[in-house]
Amino acid sequence: MALEIIGFPRSNFVRTVRMVAQEKGVPYEHIPAMPHSDEVKAINPLGLIPVMRHDGLELVESHAIAQYIDAAFEGPALVPTDPREAAPINRWISTVNTSVDQLLMRRYVVEYAFHKDADGNVVRDVIDKSVKRLPKMFALLEAGVAKGYLGGDAFTMADCFLMPILAAVQNFPEGKENFENCPNLKAYFARVSERPSFADTAS
């Protein structure tokens, strides 16, 4: 059975696991499905995306799916096999999946995109609190990519988790302003944007 990645294509986590599969050179089928749809809940009762099927295995949680794809298939390792080299990469994956995602996606991008009043105006309560924290977060990421990639000088799984978030946050004014003030991050984003795994998963 071919690898199936199931989830809404605009989800940063769905895009991440698709990037991982493409970086590994693994053929896969992307099945678009919204969170909490019957197809998703058949695998993840919580209704969260992405979910995955492969050869009878059903799996949830983006990091678990990404790790499985990296380990189960031939191709370049996206996390170093040496524990000391893997440690900073895993640190950044955890940071992106928690602190970065919570601030930049859940409390900023998602609020802009989906939290609107009856007249269609953006409700800014959460956004206005979040933008005060953007400079510190962008400074963290600016330092994180100083060697060329997130946490080092080579492309890894950590970059697959960060890039979809950076793409999304630039669609809104405060995120774009903070991004533009980070030369390392701008150069990093331009460089990684040229990878087919990023370009081909834009939709």
N, C-alpha and C. Protein backbone atom coordinates (compact mmCIF):
# COMPACT_ATOMS: atom_id res chain seq x y z
N MET A 1 0.86 -1.20 0.00
CA MET A 1 0.00 0.00 0.00
C MET A 1 0.88 1.24 0.00
N ALA A 2 0.57 2.17 -0.89
CA ALA A 2 1.36 3.39 -0.98
C ALA A 2 1.17 4.26 0.25
N LEU A 3 2.14 5.13 0.48
CA LEU A 3 2.04 6.09 1.57
C LEU A 3 0.92 7.08 1.27
N GLU A 4 0.03 7.28 2.23
CA GLU A 4 -1.04 8.26 2.12
C GLU A 4 -0.88 9.30 3.23
N ILE A 5 -0.88 10.56 2.84
CA ILE A 5 -0.84 11.68 3.78
C ILE A 5 -2.18 12.39 3.66
N ILE A 6 -2.89 12.48 4.76
CA ILE A 6 -4.27 12.96 4.74
C ILE A 6 -4.36 14.24 5.56
N GLY A 7 -4.93 15.30 4.96
CA GLY A 7 -5.11 16.54 5.69
C GLY A 7 -5.26 17.73 4.77
N PHE A 8 -5.76 18.81 5.32
CA PHE A 8 -6.00 20.06 4.61
C PHE A 8 -4.67 20.62 4.10
N PRO A 9 -4.53 20.90 2.81
CA PRO A 9 -3.22 21.30 2.27
C PRO A 9 -2.65 22.58 2.85
N ARG A 10 -3.49 23.48 3.36
CA ARG A 10 -2.97 24.74 3.91
C ARG A 10 -2.46 24.60 5.34
N SER A 11 -2.65 23.44 5.95
CA SER A 11 -2.10 23.20 7.29
C SER A 11 -0.58 23.17 7.22
N ASN A 12 0.07 23.91 8.10
CA ASN A 12 1.54 23.89 8.10
C ASN A 12 2.08 22.49 8.42
N PHE A 13 1.40 21.75 9.28
CA PHE A 13 1.89 20.43 9.64
C PHE A 13 1.69 19.41 8.51
N VAL A 14 0.60 19.54 7.76
CA VAL A 14 0.41 18.69 6.59
C VAL A 14 1.50 18.97 5.55
N ARG A 15 1.78 20.25 5.35
CA ARG A 15 2.83 20.61 4.39
C ARG A 15 4.19 20.07 4.84
N THR A 16 4.44 20.12 6.13
CA THR A 16 5.71 19.62 6.66
C THR A 16 5.92 18.15 6.30
N VAL A 17 4.94 17.30 6.58
CA VAL A 17 5.14 15.87 6.33
C VAL A 17 5.21 15.59 4.84
N ARG A 18 4.51 16.38 4.04
CA ARG A 18 4.65 16.24 2.58
C ARG A 18 6.06 16.62 2.14
N MET A 19 6.63 17.67 2.73
CA MET A 19 8.00 18.04 2.42
C MET A 19 8.97 16.93 2.79
N VAL A 20 8.76 16.33 3.96
CA VAL A 20 9.63 15.24 4.39
C VAL A 20 9.59 14.10 3.38
N ALA A 21 8.39 13.72 2.96
CA ALA A 21 8.26 12.62 1.99
C ALA A 21 8.98 12.96 0.69
N GLN A 22 8.82 14.19 0.25
CA GLN A 22 9.46 14.56 -1.02
C GLN A 22 10.97 14.63 -0.89
N GLU A 23 11.46 15.14 0.23
CA GLU A 23 12.91 15.19 0.45
C GLU A 23 13.51 13.78 0.46
N LYS A 24 12.75 12.81 0.96
CA LYS A 24 13.21 11.42 0.99
C LYS A 24 13.06 10.74 -0.36
N GLY A 25 12.33 11.37 -1.27
CA GLY A 25 12.07 10.74 -2.56
C GLY A 25 11.03 9.65 -2.50
N VAL A 26 10.09 9.78 -1.55
CA VAL A 26 9.06 8.76 -1.34
C VAL A 26 7.79 9.14 -2.09
N PRO A 27 7.33 8.32 -3.02
CA PRO A 27 6.03 8.60 -3.65
C PRO A 27 4.92 8.52 -2.60
N TYR A 28 3.97 9.43 -2.69
CA TYR A 28 2.88 9.42 -1.74
C TYR A 28 1.63 9.99 -2.40
N GLU A 29 0.51 9.68 -1.81
CA GLU A 29 -0.75 10.27 -2.24
C GLU A 29 -1.22 11.24 -1.17
N HIS A 30 -1.46 12.48 -1.58
CA HIS A 30 -2.01 13.46 -0.64
C HIS A 30 -3.52 13.47 -0.80
N ILE A 31 -4.21 13.17 0.27
CA ILE A 31 -5.67 13.15 0.27
C ILE A 31 -6.16 14.36 1.07
N PRO A 32 -6.66 15.41 0.41
CA PRO A 32 -7.13 16.59 1.16
C PRO A 32 -8.33 16.22 2.04
N ALA A 33 -8.27 16.62 3.28
CA ALA A 33 -9.38 16.37 4.21
C ALA A 33 -9.29 17.39 5.34
N MET A 34 -10.43 17.91 5.74
CA MET A 34 -10.46 18.92 6.79
C MET A 34 -10.29 18.28 8.16
N PRO A 35 -9.79 19.05 9.13
CA PRO A 35 -9.78 18.55 10.50
C PRO A 35 -11.19 18.14 10.93
N HIS A 36 -11.28 17.10 11.71
CA HIS A 36 -12.54 16.61 12.27
C HIS A 36 -13.48 16.00 11.23
N SER A 37 -12.99 15.82 10.01
CA SER A 37 -13.79 15.11 9.01
C SER A 37 -13.84 13.62 9.38
N ASP A 38 -14.81 12.92 8.82
CA ASP A 38 -14.94 11.50 9.13
C ASP A 38 -13.68 10.74 8.73
N GLU A 39 -13.08 11.11 7.60
CA GLU A 39 -11.89 10.41 7.14
C GLU A 39 -10.73 10.58 8.11
N VAL A 40 -10.59 11.78 8.66
CA VAL A 40 -9.53 12.03 9.62
C VAL A 40 -9.83 11.34 10.95
N LYS A 41 -11.06 11.46 11.43
CA LYS A 41 -11.40 10.87 12.73
C LYS A 41 -11.38 9.35 12.71
N ALA A 42 -11.44 8.75 11.52
CA ALA A 42 -11.31 7.30 11.43
C ALA A 42 -9.92 6.84 11.86
N ILE A 43 -8.94 7.75 11.77
CA ILE A 43 -7.57 7.43 12.18
C ILE A 43 -7.22 8.13 13.49
N ASN A 44 -7.61 9.39 13.62
CA ASN A 44 -7.34 10.16 14.84
C ASN A 44 -8.65 10.61 15.46
N PRO A 45 -9.09 9.99 16.53
CA PRO A 45 -10.37 10.37 17.15
C PRO A 45 -10.43 11.84 17.56
N LEU A 46 -9.26 12.46 17.77
CA LEU A 46 -9.25 13.89 18.12
C LEU A 46 -9.52 14.77 16.91
N GLY A 47 -9.45 14.21 15.72
CA GLY A 47 -9.77 14.96 14.51
C GLY A 47 -8.66 15.84 13.99
N LEU A 48 -7.45 15.70 14.55
CA LEU A 48 -6.35 16.58 14.17
C LEU A 48 -5.60 16.04 12.97
N ILE A 49 -5.04 16.95 12.18
CA ILE A 49 -4.29 16.59 10.98
C ILE A 49 -2.83 17.01 11.15
N PRO A 50 -1.95 16.29 10.40
CA PRO A 50 -2.19 15.24 9.40
C PRO A 50 -2.38 13.87 10.06
N VAL A 51 -2.89 12.96 9.24
CA VAL A 51 -2.86 11.54 9.58
C VAL A 51 -2.24 10.80 8.40
N MET A 52 -1.81 9.57 8.64
CA MET A 52 -1.05 8.83 7.63
C MET A 52 -1.49 7.38 7.60
N ARG A 53 -1.43 6.78 6.40
CA ARG A 53 -1.58 5.33 6.24
C ARG A 53 -0.41 4.83 5.40
N HIS A 54 0.10 3.65 5.79
CA HIS A 54 1.13 3.00 4.97
C HIS A 54 1.22 1.53 5.34
N ASP A 55 0.92 0.67 4.37
CA ASP A 55 1.06 -0.78 4.58
C ASP A 55 0.40 -1.25 5.87
N GLY A 56 -0.81 -0.81 6.11
CA GLY A 56 -1.56 -1.24 7.28
C GLY A 56 -1.30 -0.43 8.54
N LEU A 57 -0.29 0.43 8.50
CA LEU A 57 0.00 1.28 9.65
C LEU A 57 -0.77 2.58 9.53
N GLU A 58 -1.47 2.95 10.59
CA GLU A 58 -2.13 4.25 10.67
C GLU A 58 -1.44 5.05 11.77
N LEU A 59 -1.13 6.32 11.46
CA LEU A 59 -0.32 7.11 12.38
C LEU A 59 -0.83 8.54 12.43
N VAL A 60 -0.71 9.15 13.61
CA VAL A 60 -1.10 10.54 13.82
C VAL A 60 0.09 11.30 14.40
N GLU A 61 -0.04 12.61 14.45
CA GLU A 61 0.98 13.54 14.97
C GLU A 61 2.10 13.74 13.95
N SER A 62 2.28 14.99 13.55
CA SER A 62 3.19 15.31 12.45
C SER A 62 4.62 14.87 12.72
N HIS A 63 5.12 15.03 13.95
CA HIS A 63 6.50 14.64 14.22
C HIS A 63 6.66 13.13 14.13
N ALA A 64 5.68 12.39 14.65
CA ALA A 64 5.74 10.93 14.56
C ALA A 64 5.69 10.48 13.10
N ILE A 65 4.85 11.12 12.31
CA ILE A 65 4.76 10.77 10.88
C ILE A 65 6.07 11.09 10.18
N ALA A 66 6.61 12.27 10.44
CA ALA A 66 7.87 12.67 9.80
C ALA A 66 9.00 11.72 10.18
N GLN A 67 9.08 11.35 11.45
CA GLN A 67 10.12 10.42 11.89
C GLN A 67 9.96 9.06 11.23
N TYR A 68 8.72 8.60 11.11
CA TYR A 68 8.48 7.32 10.46
C TYR A 68 8.96 7.34 9.01
N ILE A 69 8.58 8.37 8.28
CA ILE A 69 8.98 8.47 6.87
C ILE A 69 10.50 8.52 6.76
N ASP A 70 11.14 9.25 7.65
CA ASP A 70 12.60 9.37 7.61
C ASP A 70 13.27 8.03 7.87
N ALA A 71 12.71 7.26 8.79
CA ALA A 71 13.34 5.99 9.18
C ALA A 71 12.96 4.82 8.29
N ALA A 72 11.75 4.84 7.73
CA ALA A 72 11.22 3.66 7.04
C ALA A 72 11.63 3.58 5.58
N PHE A 73 12.10 4.68 5.03
CA PHE A 73 12.39 4.71 3.60
C PHE A 73 13.85 5.06 3.35
N GLU A 74 14.35 4.58 2.23
CA GLU A 74 15.69 4.95 1.82
C GLU A 74 15.71 6.42 1.43
N GLY A 75 16.92 6.97 1.35
CA GLY A 75 17.05 8.38 1.01
C GLY A 75 17.86 9.09 2.07
N PRO A 76 18.18 10.34 1.83
CA PRO A 76 19.01 11.08 2.79
C PRO A 76 18.33 11.21 4.14
N ALA A 77 19.09 10.97 5.21
CA ALA A 77 18.54 11.12 6.56
C ALA A 77 18.26 12.58 6.84
N LEU A 78 17.07 12.88 7.32
CA LEU A 78 16.68 14.26 7.60
C LEU A 78 16.95 14.66 9.04
N VAL A 79 17.33 13.69 9.87
CA VAL A 79 17.86 13.97 11.20
C VAL A 79 19.17 13.18 11.31
N PRO A 80 20.26 13.81 11.71
CA PRO A 80 21.54 13.09 11.79
C PRO A 80 21.44 11.85 12.66
N THR A 81 22.20 10.83 12.30
CA THR A 81 22.18 9.59 13.09
C THR A 81 23.05 9.69 14.33
N ASP A 82 24.06 10.55 14.32
CA ASP A 82 24.90 10.76 15.49
C ASP A 82 24.12 11.52 16.55
N PRO A 83 24.05 11.03 17.79
CA PRO A 83 23.23 11.67 18.82
C PRO A 83 23.59 13.13 19.08
N ARG A 84 24.87 13.45 19.08
CA ARG A 84 25.28 14.83 19.35
C ARG A 84 24.90 15.76 18.20
N GLU A 85 24.95 15.25 16.98
CA GLU A 85 24.54 16.05 15.84
C GLU A 85 23.02 16.16 15.75
N ALA A 86 22.33 15.11 16.19
CA ALA A 86 20.87 15.11 16.15
C ALA A 86 20.26 16.01 17.21
N ALA A 87 20.97 16.16 18.34
CA ALA A 87 20.39 16.88 19.48
C ALA A 87 19.92 18.29 19.13
N PRO A 88 20.75 19.16 18.50
CA PRO A 88 20.25 20.50 18.20
C PRO A 88 19.12 20.51 17.18
N ILE A 89 19.11 19.54 16.27
CA ILE A 89 18.02 19.46 15.30
C ILE A 89 16.72 19.10 16.00
N ASN A 90 16.79 18.10 16.87
CA ASN A 90 15.58 17.72 17.61
C ASN A 90 15.12 18.83 18.54
N ARG A 91 16.08 19.57 19.08
CA ARG A 91 15.70 20.73 19.92
C ARG A 91 14.87 21.72 19.10
N TRP A 92 15.33 21.99 17.87
CA TRP A 92 14.62 22.98 17.05
C TRP A 92 13.27 22.43 16.58
N ILE A 93 13.20 21.16 16.27
CA ILE A 93 11.91 20.59 15.90
C ILE A 93 10.91 20.77 17.04
N SER A 94 11.34 20.48 18.25
CA SER A 94 10.45 20.63 19.41
C SER A 94 10.07 22.09 19.62
N THR A 95 11.02 22.99 19.47
CA THR A 95 10.74 24.42 19.66
C THR A 95 9.74 24.92 18.63
N VAL A 96 9.94 24.53 17.37
CA VAL A 96 9.02 24.96 16.32
C VAL A 96 7.62 24.39 16.55
N ASN A 97 7.55 23.12 16.95
CA ASN A 97 6.25 22.48 17.12
C ASN A 97 5.47 22.99 18.33
N THR A 98 6.16 23.62 19.25
CA THR A 98 5.49 24.14 20.45
C THR A 98 5.46 25.66 20.41
N SER A 99 6.53 26.30 20.83
CA SER A 99 6.54 27.76 21.01
C SER A 99 6.30 28.51 19.71
N VAL A 100 7.01 28.14 18.64
CA VAL A 100 6.87 28.89 17.38
C VAL A 100 5.49 28.70 16.79
N ASP A 101 5.03 27.46 16.71
CA ASP A 101 3.71 27.21 16.15
C ASP A 101 2.61 27.89 16.97
N GLN A 102 2.70 27.80 18.28
CA GLN A 102 1.65 28.39 19.12
C GLN A 102 1.53 29.90 18.91
N LEU A 103 2.66 30.59 18.85
CA LEU A 103 2.61 32.04 18.70
C LEU A 103 2.31 32.44 17.26
N LEU A 104 3.11 31.98 16.33
CA LEU A 104 3.00 32.48 14.96
C LEU A 104 1.80 31.93 14.21
N MET A 105 1.44 30.67 14.46
CA MET A 105 0.30 30.09 13.74
C MET A 105 -0.99 30.22 14.54
N ARG A 106 -1.05 29.59 15.73
CA ARG A 106 -2.33 29.51 16.45
C ARG A 106 -2.81 30.87 16.93
N ARG A 107 -1.87 31.71 17.42
CA ARG A 107 -2.27 32.97 18.05
C ARG A 107 -2.06 34.18 17.13
N TYR A 108 -1.66 33.93 15.89
CA TYR A 108 -1.48 35.04 14.96
C TYR A 108 -2.11 34.72 13.59
N VAL A 109 -1.55 33.81 12.84
CA VAL A 109 -2.08 33.51 11.50
C VAL A 109 -3.52 33.01 11.57
N VAL A 110 -3.78 32.04 12.42
CA VAL A 110 -5.13 31.47 12.50
C VAL A 110 -6.13 32.52 12.98
N GLU A 111 -5.71 33.37 13.90
CA GLU A 111 -6.62 34.43 14.37
C GLU A 111 -6.97 35.38 13.23
N TYR A 112 -5.99 35.78 12.44
CA TYR A 112 -6.25 36.64 11.29
C TYR A 112 -7.19 35.96 10.29
N ALA A 113 -6.93 34.69 10.03
CA ALA A 113 -7.65 34.00 8.96
C ALA A 113 -9.07 33.61 9.33
N PHE A 114 -9.29 33.27 10.60
CA PHE A 114 -10.56 32.64 10.94
C PHE A 114 -11.37 33.33 12.04
N HIS A 115 -10.77 34.21 12.84
CA HIS A 115 -11.51 34.82 13.96
C HIS A 115 -12.04 36.18 13.52
N LYS A 116 -13.28 36.19 13.05
CA LYS A 116 -13.89 37.41 12.54
C LYS A 116 -15.28 37.59 13.15
N ASP A 117 -15.71 38.86 13.22
CA ASP A 117 -17.03 39.14 13.78
C ASP A 117 -18.10 38.94 12.72
N ALA A 118 -19.35 39.26 13.09
CA ALA A 118 -20.47 39.01 12.19
C ALA A 118 -20.38 39.82 10.91
N ASP A 119 -19.63 40.92 10.93
CA ASP A 119 -19.48 41.76 9.74
C ASP A 119 -18.24 41.39 8.92
N GLY A 120 -17.53 40.37 9.34
CA GLY A 120 -16.36 39.93 8.59
C GLY A 120 -15.07 40.63 8.98
N ASN A 121 -15.10 41.42 10.05
CA ASN A 121 -13.90 42.11 10.51
C ASN A 121 -13.07 41.20 11.42
N VAL A 122 -11.76 41.29 11.29
CA VAL A 122 -10.87 40.49 12.12
C VAL A 122 -11.00 40.92 13.58
N VAL A 123 -11.18 39.96 14.45
CA VAL A 123 -11.21 40.21 15.89
C VAL A 123 -9.76 40.19 16.38
N ARG A 124 -9.29 41.33 16.90
CA ARG A 124 -7.86 41.50 17.13
C ARG A 124 -7.40 41.28 18.56
N ASP A 125 -8.27 40.84 19.45
CA ASP A 125 -7.88 40.72 20.86
C ASP A 125 -6.61 39.89 21.03
N VAL A 126 -6.62 38.68 20.50
CA VAL A 126 -5.48 37.78 20.64
C VAL A 126 -4.31 38.28 19.79
N ILE A 127 -4.61 38.77 18.60
CA ILE A 127 -3.55 39.26 17.70
C ILE A 127 -2.77 40.38 18.35
N ASP A 128 -3.46 41.33 18.94
CA ASP A 128 -2.77 42.48 19.53
C ASP A 128 -1.87 42.09 20.69
N LYS A 129 -2.23 41.05 21.42
CA LYS A 129 -1.34 40.56 22.47
C LYS A 129 -0.14 39.82 21.86
N SER A 130 -0.42 39.09 20.78
CA SER A 130 0.63 38.26 20.18
C SER A 130 1.69 39.10 19.49
N VAL A 131 1.30 40.20 18.84
CA VAL A 131 2.29 40.97 18.08
C VAL A 131 3.37 41.56 18.98
N LYS A 132 3.05 41.77 20.26
CA LYS A 132 4.06 42.28 21.18
C LYS A 132 5.19 41.27 21.38
N ARG A 133 4.90 40.00 21.15
CA ARG A 133 5.89 38.94 21.35
C ARG A 133 6.62 38.57 20.07
N LEU A 134 6.19 39.12 18.93
CA LEU A 134 6.81 38.74 17.66
C LEU A 134 8.29 39.09 17.58
N PRO A 135 8.72 40.29 17.99
CA PRO A 135 10.15 40.60 17.84
C PRO A 135 11.06 39.60 18.55
N LYS A 136 10.70 39.17 19.74
CA LYS A 136 11.52 38.19 20.47
C LYS A 136 11.56 36.86 19.74
N MET A 137 10.42 36.42 19.21
CA MET A 137 10.38 35.15 18.50
C MET A 137 11.19 35.21 17.21
N PHE A 138 11.06 36.33 16.48
CA PHE A 138 11.82 36.45 15.24
C PHE A 138 13.32 36.56 15.52
N ALA A 139 13.68 37.18 16.61
CA ALA A 139 15.10 37.24 16.99
C ALA A 139 15.64 35.84 17.27
N LEU A 140 14.84 35.01 17.91
CA LEU A 140 15.24 33.62 18.17
C LEU A 140 15.48 32.88 16.87
N LEU A 141 14.56 33.04 15.92
CA LEU A 141 14.70 32.35 14.64
C LEU A 141 15.84 32.92 13.81
N GLU A 142 16.03 34.22 13.88
CA GLU A 142 17.15 34.86 13.17
C GLU A 142 18.47 34.27 13.61
N ALA A 143 18.63 34.07 14.91
CA ALA A 143 19.85 33.45 15.42
C ALA A 143 19.90 31.97 15.05
N GLY A 144 18.75 31.32 15.02
CA GLY A 144 18.70 29.89 14.74
C GLY A 144 19.15 29.51 13.35
N VAL A 145 18.98 30.42 12.38
CA VAL A 145 19.35 30.11 10.99
C VAL A 145 20.67 30.78 10.60
N ALA A 146 21.42 31.28 11.57
CA ALA A 146 22.63 32.05 11.27
C ALA A 146 23.67 31.24 10.50
N LYS A 147 23.69 29.91 10.67
CA LYS A 147 24.66 29.08 9.97
C LYS A 147 24.17 28.64 8.59
N GLY A 148 22.98 29.07 8.22
CA GLY A 148 22.46 28.74 6.89
C GLY A 148 21.14 28.00 6.92
N TYR A 149 20.96 27.13 7.90
CA TYR A 149 19.73 26.38 8.07
C TYR A 149 19.37 26.38 9.55
N LEU A 150 18.20 25.87 9.88
CA LEU A 150 17.76 25.94 11.27
C LEU A 150 18.56 24.97 12.12
N GLY A 151 19.42 25.51 12.96
CA GLY A 151 20.21 24.70 13.87
C GLY A 151 21.51 24.17 13.31
N GLY A 152 21.88 24.59 12.10
CA GLY A 152 23.14 24.08 11.54
C GLY A 152 23.39 24.56 10.14
N ASP A 153 24.32 23.89 9.45
CA ASP A 153 24.73 24.32 8.11
C ASP A 153 24.21 23.40 7.01
N ALA A 154 23.26 22.52 7.34
CA ALA A 154 22.69 21.61 6.35
C ALA A 154 21.18 21.52 6.54
N PHE A 155 20.47 21.27 5.45
CA PHE A 155 19.02 21.12 5.48
C PHE A 155 18.65 19.87 6.27
N THR A 156 17.65 20.00 7.17
CA THR A 156 17.19 18.87 7.97
C THR A 156 15.67 18.93 8.13
N MET A 157 15.16 17.98 8.89
CA MET A 157 13.73 17.95 9.18
C MET A 157 13.26 19.22 9.87
N ALA A 158 14.12 19.85 10.66
CA ALA A 158 13.74 21.09 11.34
C ALA A 158 13.28 22.15 10.35
N ASP A 159 13.94 22.21 9.20
CA ASP A 159 13.56 23.18 8.18
C ASP A 159 12.19 22.86 7.58
N CYS A 160 11.86 21.57 7.49
CA CYS A 160 10.54 21.18 7.00
C CYS A 160 9.44 21.67 7.93
N PHE A 161 9.73 21.74 9.22
CA PHE A 161 8.73 22.23 10.17
C PHE A 161 8.63 23.75 10.18
N LEU A 162 9.76 24.44 9.97
CA LEU A 162 9.74 25.90 10.06
C LEU A 162 9.21 26.57 8.80
N MET A 163 9.59 26.09 7.63
CA MET A 163 9.29 26.82 6.40
C MET A 163 7.80 27.09 6.16
N PRO A 164 6.89 26.14 6.37
CA PRO A 164 5.48 26.46 6.16
C PRO A 164 4.97 27.57 7.09
N ILE A 165 5.51 27.65 8.30
CA ILE A 165 5.11 28.71 9.22
C ILE A 165 5.61 30.06 8.72
N LEU A 166 6.86 30.11 8.27
CA LEU A 166 7.39 31.37 7.75
C LEU A 166 6.62 31.83 6.52
N ALA A 167 6.21 30.90 5.68
CA ALA A 167 5.42 31.27 4.50
C ALA A 167 4.09 31.88 4.91
N ALA A 168 3.45 31.30 5.91
CA ALA A 168 2.13 31.78 6.33
C ALA A 168 2.19 33.13 7.03
N VAL A 169 3.19 33.31 7.89
CA VAL A 169 3.23 34.52 8.72
C VAL A 169 3.48 35.77 7.89
N GLN A 170 4.09 35.60 6.72
CA GLN A 170 4.37 36.76 5.87
C GLN A 170 3.12 37.32 5.17
N ASN A 171 2.00 36.62 5.28
CA ASN A 171 0.77 37.08 4.66
C ASN A 171 0.06 38.17 5.45
N PHE A 172 0.58 38.50 6.63
CA PHE A 172 -0.09 39.46 7.49
C PHE A 172 0.92 40.54 7.93
N PRO A 173 0.45 41.76 8.17
CA PRO A 173 1.36 42.91 8.21
C PRO A 173 2.44 42.86 9.28
N GLU A 174 2.09 42.54 10.50
CA GLU A 174 3.10 42.54 11.56
C GLU A 174 4.12 41.43 11.37
N GLY A 175 3.64 40.28 10.89
CA GLY A 175 4.55 39.19 10.60
C GLY A 175 5.51 39.54 9.48
N LYS A 176 4.99 40.16 8.43
CA LYS A 176 5.82 40.58 7.30
C LYS A 176 6.87 41.60 7.75
N GLU A 177 6.46 42.55 8.58
CA GLU A 177 7.40 43.58 9.06
C GLU A 177 8.53 42.95 9.87
N ASN A 178 8.19 42.06 10.78
CA ASN A 178 9.23 41.42 11.59
C ASN A 178 10.15 40.56 10.73
N PHE A 179 9.58 39.86 9.78
CA PHE A 179 10.38 39.04 8.88
C PHE A 179 11.36 39.89 8.09
N GLU A 180 10.90 41.01 7.59
CA GLU A 180 11.75 41.88 6.77
C GLU A 180 12.91 42.46 7.57
N ASN A 181 12.79 42.50 8.88
CA ASN A 181 13.86 43.03 9.73
C ASN A 181 14.91 41.97 10.09
N CYS A 182 14.80 40.78 9.51
CA CYS A 182 15.70 39.68 9.86
C CYS A 182 16.47 39.23 8.61
N PRO A 183 17.64 39.76 8.36
CA PRO A 183 18.37 39.42 7.13
C PRO A 183 18.74 37.95 7.02
N ASN A 184 19.13 37.32 8.12
CA ASN A 184 19.44 35.88 8.07
C ASN A 184 18.22 35.08 7.66
N LEU A 185 17.10 35.43 8.26
CA LEU A 185 15.86 34.68 8.00
C LEU A 185 15.39 34.89 6.56
N LYS A 186 15.53 36.11 6.06
CA LYS A 186 15.15 36.39 4.67
C LYS A 186 16.00 35.57 3.70
N ALA A 187 17.30 35.54 3.93
CA ALA A 187 18.19 34.78 3.05
C ALA A 187 17.90 33.28 3.15
N TYR A 188 17.65 32.83 4.35
CA TYR A 188 17.29 31.43 4.58
C TYR A 188 16.02 31.06 3.84
N PHE A 189 15.00 31.88 3.98
CA PHE A 189 13.72 31.58 3.34
C PHE A 189 13.86 31.56 1.82
N ALA A 190 14.59 32.52 1.28
CA ALA A 190 14.80 32.55 -0.17
C ALA A 190 15.51 31.30 -0.65
N ARG A 191 16.50 30.87 0.11
CA ARG A 191 17.29 29.69 -0.26
C ARG A 191 16.43 28.42 -0.23
N VAL A 192 15.72 28.21 0.87
CA VAL A 192 14.97 26.97 1.02
C VAL A 192 13.73 26.97 0.13
N SER A 193 13.21 28.14 -0.20
CA SER A 193 12.05 28.23 -1.09
C SER A 193 12.33 27.63 -2.46
N GLU A 194 13.60 27.56 -2.84
CA GLU A 194 13.96 27.02 -4.15
C GLU A 194 13.95 25.49 -4.16
N ARG A 195 13.86 24.86 -3.02
CA ARG A 195 13.83 23.40 -2.99
C ARG A 195 12.49 22.89 -3.53
N PRO A 196 12.50 21.88 -4.40
CA PRO A 196 11.25 21.36 -4.92
C PRO A 196 10.27 20.92 -3.85
N SER A 197 10.77 20.42 -2.73
CA SER A 197 9.86 19.97 -1.67
C SER A 197 9.00 21.09 -1.14
N PHE A 198 9.53 22.30 -1.15
CA PHE A 198 8.74 23.45 -0.68
C PHE A 198 7.83 23.97 -1.79
N ALA A 199 8.40 24.14 -2.96
CA ALA A 199 7.62 24.68 -4.08
C ALA A 199 6.45 23.78 -4.45
N ASP A 200 6.68 22.47 -4.43
CA ASP A 200 5.66 21.53 -4.90
C ASP A 200 4.55 21.28 -3.89
N THR A 201 4.72 21.73 -2.65
CA THR A 201 3.70 21.50 -1.61
C THR A 201 2.93 22.78 -1.27
N ALA A 202 3.02 23.77 -2.15
CA ALA A 202 2.35 25.04 -1.88
C ALA A 202 0.83 24.92 -1.93
N SER A 203 0.32 23.87 -2.56
CA SER A 203 -1.13 23.70 -2.62
C SER A 203 -1.46 22.21 -2.55
